[in-house]
N, C-alpha and C. Protein backbone atom coordinates (compact mmCIF):
# COMPACT_ATOMS: atom_id res chain seq x y z
N MET A 1 0.87 -1.14 0.13
CA MET A 1 -0.32 0.13 0.15
C MET A 1 0.91 0.83 -0.01
N GLN A 2 0.41 2.10 -0.80
CA GLN A 2 1.58 3.28 -1.18
C GLN A 2 0.84 4.32 -0.25
N ARG A 3 1.69 5.16 0.41
CA ARG A 3 0.75 6.08 1.35
C ARG A 3 1.95 7.20 1.23
N GLN A 4 1.54 8.44 1.47
CA GLN A 4 2.69 9.54 1.82
C GLN A 4 1.83 10.78 2.42
N SER A 5 2.83 11.45 2.57
CA SER A 5 2.40 12.63 3.77
C SER A 5 2.97 13.79 3.18
N SER A 6 1.93 15.07 3.16
CA SER A 6 3.04 16.50 2.15
C SER A 6 1.97 17.63 2.70
N GLY A 7 2.39 18.36 1.81
CA GLY A 7 1.94 20.15 2.52
C GLY A 7 2.69 21.16 1.62
N ALA A 8 1.74 21.80 2.07
CA ALA A 8 2.37 23.20 1.00
C ALA A 8 2.14 24.68 1.44
N SER A 9 3.10 26.02 2.00
CA SER A 9 2.71 26.90 2.42
C SER A 9 3.65 27.86 1.79
N LEU A 10 2.61 28.98 1.72
CA LEU A 10 3.38 30.45 0.98
C LEU A 10 4.23 31.19 2.54
N ARG A 11 5.52 31.58 2.37
CA ARG A 11 5.24 32.38 3.44
C ARG A 11 6.35 33.83 2.82
N ILE A 12 5.65 34.92 3.41
CA ILE A 12 6.37 35.79 3.20
C ILE A 12 6.91 36.74 4.35
N THR A 13 8.45 36.57 4.57
CA THR A 13 9.08 36.92 5.74
C THR A 13 9.60 38.23 5.44
N GLY A 14 10.36 39.36 6.36
CA GLY A 14 10.99 40.50 6.80
C GLY A 14 10.68 41.24 7.78
N GLN A 15 11.44 42.21 7.65
CA GLN A 15 11.51 42.84 9.13
C GLN A 15 10.01 44.69 8.40
N GLY A 16 9.24 44.76 9.95
CA GLY A 16 8.00 45.69 9.75
C GLY A 16 7.09 44.84 8.31
N LEU A 17 6.66 44.15 8.21
CA LEU A 17 5.55 43.85 7.28
C LEU A 17 4.22 44.26 7.50
N ASP A 18 3.65 44.24 6.40
CA ASP A 18 2.56 45.56 6.41
C ASP A 18 1.22 44.20 6.52
N PHE A 19 1.25 43.48 7.71
CA PHE A 19 0.03 42.35 7.48
C PHE A 19 -0.98 42.22 6.84
N ASP A 20 -1.88 43.85 7.22
CA ASP A 20 -2.80 44.30 6.61
C ASP A 20 -3.05 44.57 4.65
N GLU A 21 -1.97 45.08 4.62
CA GLU A 21 -1.77 45.25 2.97
C GLU A 21 -1.38 43.86 2.27
N ILE A 22 -0.85 43.31 2.59
CA ILE A 22 -0.79 41.57 1.84
C ILE A 22 -2.33 41.36 2.06
N SER A 23 -2.85 41.18 3.08
CA SER A 23 -4.07 39.88 3.43
C SER A 23 -5.16 41.30 1.99
N GLU A 24 -4.82 42.43 2.01
CA GLU A 24 -5.87 43.24 1.41
C GLU A 24 -5.32 43.19 -0.21
N SER A 25 -4.05 43.42 -0.12
CA SER A 25 -3.51 43.06 -1.64
C SER A 25 -4.12 41.45 -2.33
N LEU A 26 -3.84 40.44 -1.56
CA LEU A 26 -3.91 39.08 -2.37
C LEU A 26 -5.54 38.35 -1.90
N GLY A 27 -6.01 39.43 -0.94
CA GLY A 27 -7.81 39.09 -1.05
C GLY A 27 -7.46 37.53 -0.27
N LEU A 28 -6.70 37.95 1.10
CA LEU A 28 -6.76 36.59 1.86
C LEU A 28 -6.46 36.33 2.99
N VAL A 29 -7.08 35.49 3.84
CA VAL A 29 -6.31 35.75 5.64
C VAL A 29 -5.27 34.80 5.71
N ALA A 30 -4.52 35.32 6.47
CA ALA A 30 -3.51 34.59 6.82
C ALA A 30 -3.83 33.64 7.72
N SER A 31 -3.00 32.12 7.45
CA SER A 31 -3.24 30.65 8.15
C SER A 31 -2.58 31.28 9.70
N GLN A 32 -1.55 31.67 9.36
CA GLN A 32 -0.90 32.39 10.60
C GLN A 32 -0.15 33.40 10.28
N SER A 33 0.00 34.60 11.08
CA SER A 33 1.41 35.52 11.22
C SER A 33 1.49 35.89 12.46
N HIS A 34 3.20 36.09 12.31
CA HIS A 34 3.81 36.20 13.63
C HIS A 34 4.66 37.38 13.60
N ARG A 35 5.30 38.68 14.95
CA ARG A 35 5.88 39.71 14.67
C ARG A 35 7.25 38.98 15.43
N ALA A 36 8.62 39.76 14.66
CA ALA A 36 9.99 39.29 14.91
C ALA A 36 9.40 39.67 16.19
N GLY A 37 10.05 38.72 17.43
CA GLY A 37 10.66 38.72 18.92
C GLY A 37 9.29 37.89 19.51
N GLU A 38 8.60 37.06 18.32
CA GLU A 38 7.00 36.68 19.11
C GLU A 38 8.04 35.23 19.45
N ALA A 39 7.03 34.65 20.69
CA ALA A 39 7.85 33.74 20.64
C ALA A 39 7.32 32.34 20.07
N GLN A 40 8.24 31.37 19.01
CA GLN A 40 7.67 29.80 18.49
C GLN A 40 7.30 28.92 19.71
N LYS A 41 6.52 28.31 19.01
CA LYS A 41 6.25 27.18 19.96
C LYS A 41 7.32 26.23 20.57
N PHE A 42 8.54 26.64 20.56
CA PHE A 42 9.23 25.86 21.20
C PHE A 42 10.22 26.67 22.05
N GLY A 43 9.70 28.03 22.46
CA GLY A 43 10.37 28.67 22.97
C GLY A 43 11.44 29.82 22.29
N GLU A 44 11.99 29.79 21.06
CA GLU A 44 12.98 30.25 20.57
C GLU A 44 11.78 31.71 19.80
N LEU A 45 12.50 32.74 19.45
CA LEU A 45 11.92 33.89 19.01
C LEU A 45 11.68 33.81 17.43
N PHE A 46 10.95 34.31 16.87
CA PHE A 46 10.59 34.74 15.37
C PHE A 46 11.57 35.95 15.34
N SER A 47 12.46 35.25 14.28
CA SER A 47 13.49 36.62 14.26
C SER A 47 13.40 37.57 12.87
N GLN A 48 12.24 37.36 12.50
CA GLN A 48 11.30 38.36 11.15
C GLN A 48 10.09 38.04 11.44
N ASP A 49 9.35 38.87 10.72
CA ASP A 49 7.36 38.73 10.77
C ASP A 49 7.53 37.97 9.56
N ILE A 50 6.56 37.36 10.02
CA ILE A 50 5.90 36.29 8.91
C ILE A 50 4.46 36.03 8.71
N TRP A 51 4.39 36.33 7.11
CA TRP A 51 2.50 36.09 6.55
C TRP A 51 2.56 34.48 5.99
N LEU A 52 1.92 33.38 6.45
CA LEU A 52 1.91 32.25 6.21
C LEU A 52 0.45 32.02 5.76
N LEU A 53 0.43 31.27 4.41
CA LEU A 53 -0.73 30.81 3.89
C LEU A 53 -0.50 29.20 3.89
N GLU A 54 -1.50 28.38 4.42
CA GLU A 54 -0.64 26.92 4.71
C GLU A 54 -1.99 26.72 4.03
N SER A 55 -1.95 25.43 3.31
CA SER A 55 -3.09 24.56 2.27
C SER A 55 -3.54 23.86 3.47
N PRO A 56 -5.16 24.31 3.56
CA PRO A 56 -6.17 23.15 4.71
C PRO A 56 -6.10 22.08 3.88
N LEU A 57 -5.85 21.35 3.04
CA LEU A 57 -6.32 20.48 2.58
C LEU A 57 -5.89 18.84 3.61
N GLY A 58 -5.04 18.71 4.23
CA GLY A 58 -4.68 17.78 4.80
C GLY A 58 -3.64 16.95 4.16
N LYS A 59 -2.58 16.21 5.25
CA LYS A 59 -1.56 16.25 4.93
C LYS A 59 -1.17 14.43 4.11
N GLN A 60 -2.80 14.28 3.84
CA GLN A 60 -2.97 13.01 3.15
C GLN A 60 -3.03 12.96 1.60
N LYS A 61 -3.21 14.26 1.29
CA LYS A 61 -3.57 14.83 0.21
C LYS A 61 -2.18 15.05 -0.80
N HIS A 62 -1.80 14.71 -2.13
CA HIS A 62 -0.55 14.58 -2.91
C HIS A 62 -0.26 16.13 -2.69
N LEU A 63 1.06 16.25 -3.21
CA LEU A 63 2.05 17.88 -2.64
C LEU A 63 0.74 18.35 -4.08
N GLU A 64 0.51 17.75 -5.30
CA GLU A 64 0.12 18.17 -6.45
C GLU A 64 -1.10 18.87 -6.07
N THR A 65 -1.98 18.40 -5.02
CA THR A 65 -3.22 19.06 -4.49
C THR A 65 -2.94 20.52 -3.63
N HIS A 66 -1.95 20.26 -3.26
CA HIS A 66 -1.79 21.00 -1.98
C HIS A 66 -1.26 22.84 -2.82
N LEU A 67 0.01 22.27 -4.03
CA LEU A 67 0.43 23.39 -4.83
C LEU A 67 -0.70 23.85 -6.21
N LYS A 68 -1.46 23.19 -6.28
CA LYS A 68 -2.92 23.97 -7.83
C LYS A 68 -3.54 24.55 -6.33
N TRP A 69 -3.80 23.78 -5.03
CA TRP A 69 -4.64 24.65 -4.07
C TRP A 69 -3.91 26.37 -4.29
N LEU A 70 -2.85 26.36 -3.88
CA LEU A 70 -1.70 27.75 -3.95
C LEU A 70 -2.30 28.38 -4.93
N VAL A 71 -1.95 27.84 -5.91
CA VAL A 71 -1.85 28.53 -7.29
C VAL A 71 -2.93 29.19 -7.58
N ARG A 72 -4.56 28.31 -7.32
CA ARG A 72 -5.76 28.80 -7.54
C ARG A 72 -5.90 30.23 -6.74
N GLN A 73 -5.75 30.12 -5.27
CA GLN A 73 -5.96 31.12 -4.07
C GLN A 73 -5.15 32.62 -4.77
N LEU A 74 -3.70 32.49 -4.97
CA LEU A 74 -3.00 33.06 -5.23
C LEU A 74 -2.46 33.84 -6.49
N LYS A 75 -3.31 33.06 -7.65
CA LYS A 75 -3.03 33.37 -9.12
C LYS A 75 -3.48 34.75 -8.86
N PRO A 76 -4.53 35.27 -8.65
CA PRO A 76 -5.01 36.80 -8.82
C PRO A 76 -3.73 37.90 -7.82
N GLY A 77 -3.08 37.26 -7.56
CA GLY A 77 -2.49 38.19 -6.61
C GLY A 77 -0.82 38.07 -6.89
N PHE A 78 -0.51 37.34 -8.18
CA PHE A 78 0.61 37.24 -8.28
C PHE A 78 1.48 38.33 -8.34
N ALA A 79 1.03 39.42 -9.50
CA ALA A 79 1.84 40.11 -9.76
C ALA A 79 2.18 41.77 -8.70
N TYR A 80 1.25 41.33 -7.69
CA TYR A 80 1.86 42.27 -6.44
C TYR A 80 2.60 40.91 -5.57
N LEU A 81 2.85 40.05 -5.54
CA LEU A 81 3.34 39.25 -4.81
C LEU A 81 5.22 39.51 -5.43
N ARG A 82 4.97 39.60 -6.63
CA ARG A 82 6.27 39.78 -7.57
C ARG A 82 6.79 40.90 -7.08
N THR A 83 6.10 42.40 -6.83
CA THR A 83 6.54 43.73 -6.53
C THR A 83 7.16 43.34 -5.00
N LEU A 84 6.21 42.59 -4.10
CA LEU A 84 6.48 42.22 -2.85
C LEU A 84 8.10 41.79 -2.94
N LYS A 85 8.11 41.27 -3.57
CA LYS A 85 9.90 40.40 -3.20
C LYS A 85 10.78 41.51 -3.37
N SER A 86 10.75 42.70 -3.74
CA SER A 86 12.06 43.53 -3.54
C SER A 86 11.76 44.25 -2.35
N ARG A 87 11.08 43.61 -1.39
CA ARG A 87 11.44 44.47 0.15
C ARG A 87 11.29 43.19 1.05
N SER A 88 10.81 42.06 0.26
CA SER A 88 10.62 40.87 1.67
C SER A 88 11.20 39.77 1.11
N LYS A 89 11.13 38.63 1.90
CA LYS A 89 11.66 37.32 0.99
C LYS A 89 10.34 36.16 0.74
N ILE A 90 10.04 36.13 0.05
CA ILE A 90 8.60 35.24 -0.40
C ILE A 90 9.38 33.72 -0.84
N ASP A 91 8.66 32.31 0.03
CA ASP A 91 8.74 31.52 -0.90
C ASP A 91 7.66 30.36 -0.61
N VAL A 92 7.98 29.12 -0.91
CA VAL A 92 6.40 28.29 -1.27
C VAL A 92 7.50 27.31 0.01
N PHE A 93 7.04 26.71 1.10
CA PHE A 93 7.42 25.46 1.25
C PHE A 93 6.71 24.19 1.28
N CYS A 94 7.57 23.34 0.78
CA CYS A 94 7.01 21.88 0.51
C CYS A 94 7.56 21.00 1.36
N HIS A 95 6.58 19.93 1.82
CA HIS A 95 6.99 19.22 1.95
C HIS A 95 6.14 17.52 2.28
N TYR A 96 7.11 16.74 2.02
CA TYR A 96 6.71 14.77 1.12
C TYR A 96 7.80 14.00 1.70
N THR A 97 6.42 13.17 2.59
CA THR A 97 7.04 12.26 2.73
C THR A 97 6.55 11.06 2.12
N GLY A 98 7.33 9.85 1.68
CA GLY A 98 6.87 8.71 0.72
C GLY A 98 7.06 7.41 1.51
N TYR A 99 6.10 6.97 1.44
CA TYR A 99 6.86 5.47 2.25
C TYR A 99 6.23 4.23 1.30
N GLY A 100 7.57 3.45 0.89
CA GLY A 100 8.03 2.54 0.10
C GLY A 100 8.56 2.90 -1.00
N ASP A 101 8.64 2.70 -2.21
CA ASP A 101 9.31 3.17 -3.65
C ASP A 101 8.70 3.64 -4.45
N GLY A 102 7.52 4.96 -3.98
CA GLY A 102 6.70 5.42 -4.63
C GLY A 102 7.89 6.89 -4.91
N GLY A 103 7.15 7.49 -6.26
CA GLY A 103 7.89 8.52 -6.18
C GLY A 103 7.06 9.81 -6.55
N LEU A 104 7.71 11.11 -6.54
CA LEU A 104 6.94 12.26 -6.78
C LEU A 104 7.05 12.82 -8.29
N SER A 105 5.67 13.00 -8.97
CA SER A 105 6.01 13.93 -10.00
C SER A 105 4.69 15.04 -9.73
N LEU A 106 5.30 16.03 -10.58
CA LEU A 106 4.43 17.29 -10.03
C LEU A 106 4.06 17.75 -11.58
N SER A 107 2.97 18.58 -12.10
CA SER A 107 2.55 19.15 -13.23
C SER A 107 2.74 20.48 -13.50
N PRO A 108 3.06 21.10 -14.73
CA PRO A 108 3.60 22.25 -14.94
C PRO A 108 2.24 23.05 -14.15
N THR A 109 1.07 22.75 -14.31
CA THR A 109 0.16 23.58 -13.27
C THR A 109 0.48 23.60 -11.66
N ALA A 110 1.01 22.50 -11.13
CA ALA A 110 1.30 23.17 -10.24
C ALA A 110 2.55 23.51 -9.90
N LEU A 111 3.55 23.51 -11.06
CA LEU A 111 4.87 24.61 -10.90
C LEU A 111 4.21 25.51 -11.44
N SER A 112 3.66 26.09 -11.37
CA SER A 112 3.43 27.69 -11.81
C SER A 112 3.69 28.39 -11.02
N ILE A 113 3.72 28.59 -9.96
CA ILE A 113 3.19 28.93 -8.52
C ILE A 113 5.16 29.40 -8.56
N PHE A 114 5.75 28.93 -8.74
CA PHE A 114 7.12 29.20 -8.89
C PHE A 114 7.63 30.57 -9.90
N ILE A 115 6.95 29.69 -11.16
CA ILE A 115 7.40 30.63 -12.32
C ILE A 115 6.72 32.23 -12.45
N GLU A 116 5.44 31.69 -11.72
CA GLU A 116 5.27 33.32 -11.80
C GLU A 116 5.13 34.49 -11.14
N ILE A 117 6.13 33.51 -9.63
CA ILE A 117 6.36 34.32 -8.64
C ILE A 117 7.53 34.85 -8.77
N GLY A 118 8.79 34.40 -9.55
CA GLY A 118 9.72 33.94 -9.74
C GLY A 118 10.89 33.73 -8.28
N ILE A 119 10.40 32.69 -7.66
CA ILE A 119 11.14 32.25 -7.23
C ILE A 119 11.65 30.51 -7.02
N LYS A 120 12.39 30.32 -6.18
CA LYS A 120 12.70 28.46 -6.40
C LYS A 120 12.03 28.00 -5.99
N LEU A 121 12.05 26.39 -6.04
CA LEU A 121 11.36 25.84 -5.50
C LEU A 121 12.07 24.40 -4.43
N GLU A 122 11.64 24.88 -3.24
CA GLU A 122 12.55 24.38 -2.23
C GLU A 122 11.58 23.15 -1.55
N LEU A 123 12.47 21.94 -1.70
CA LEU A 123 11.40 20.76 -1.13
C LEU A 123 12.33 19.66 -0.57
N SER A 124 11.49 19.52 0.70
CA SER A 124 12.08 18.35 1.45
C SER A 124 11.56 17.43 1.45
N ILE A 125 12.24 16.01 1.51
CA ILE A 125 11.86 15.17 0.81
C ILE A 125 11.97 13.80 1.72
N ILE A 126 11.38 13.09 2.17
CA ILE A 126 11.77 12.15 3.07
C ILE A 126 10.98 10.87 2.78
N VAL A 127 11.81 9.79 2.26
CA VAL A 127 11.47 8.41 2.23
C VAL A 127 11.53 7.34 2.07
N LEU A 128 10.91 6.74 3.42
CA LEU A 128 10.98 6.07 4.20
C LEU A 128 10.65 4.16 3.81
N ARG A 129 11.08 3.46 4.09
CA ARG A 129 11.43 2.36 3.37
C ARG A 129 10.77 1.25 4.69
N PRO A 130 9.73 0.72 4.47
CA PRO A 130 9.41 -0.30 5.32
C PRO A 130 10.55 -1.49 5.61
N ASN A 131 10.90 -2.14 6.69
CA ASN A 131 11.76 -2.65 7.65
C ASN A 131 11.35 -4.22 7.12
N THR A 132 12.34 -4.83 5.89
CA THR A 132 12.54 -6.25 5.53
C THR A 132 12.71 -7.26 6.45
N HIS A 133 12.97 -6.78 7.62
CA HIS A 133 13.51 -8.07 8.76
C HIS A 133 12.51 -8.67 9.60
């Protein structure tokens, strides 16, 4: 049985981010937002402001599905995000954990978010193999 776990989030980080402007310009409410100096859940402090939009689809969905959700949400705001890059860091954090010998395939539509905003694809991949002993 093939299983996997995945997710994707748009992250905007910087100093003095205007959270209201970001939300208004994108027409979206952040999943999370934090100011520099606030405590993270394990006690470390955020070093920068962060505005985060996380796919709500659940970890059992394929990474392709999470990325397409982000594309649908963000497409009207791609031009704004391109201008925001000059004063903040924008990335899409992707994670994928596969179990067994499965691979990962992503469509051009899912990958369009990286081209349209002009950011790199950074992907954390973990592959777990069943114990055969």
